[in-house]
Amino acid sequence: QVQLVESGGGLVHTGGSLRLSCAASGRTFSSSTMGWFRQAPGKEHEFVAAISWSGSSTYYADSVKDRFTISRDNAKNTVYLQMNSLKPEDTAVYYCAASQSSWYSGRYYKRQWYDYWGQGTQVTVSS
């Protein structure tokens, strides 16, 4: 069992930065693939980024590539999402998720692939 708690959301102007954190409890965090998703009002969940259990592999949605960076600290049971050059279209509730499945399945961009979810943190980017 893995419990996830996101933090770090808030209100920022266009072009600003935020760093989201996702603290995990449970002994399986260090072996879990971790992902970030977001959901804007009236829209479905959208994949943002994922990172393998070791941190050696990452994958990003095209919409955030070169602006967002996912990282993890297994000693702290925490995964991060550094968000730079934020745009109004990045406004959403951001969720972290954990999967016990292998990174090498290549399904880390699929919401259904994840086993555990946090409660979400709101990010609002004003124009």
Foldseek 3Di string as FASTA:
>chain_A
DKAKAKDWADEAAAQAKIKMKIAIDDDCLLQWKKFKWWDDPPGDIFGAKIAGSPRPDMDGDPVQPPFWDWGDDVVRRMIMIIGGRDDQVVWTWMKMFIANDHVVVVCVRDPVRTDYIYPTDTHGYHD
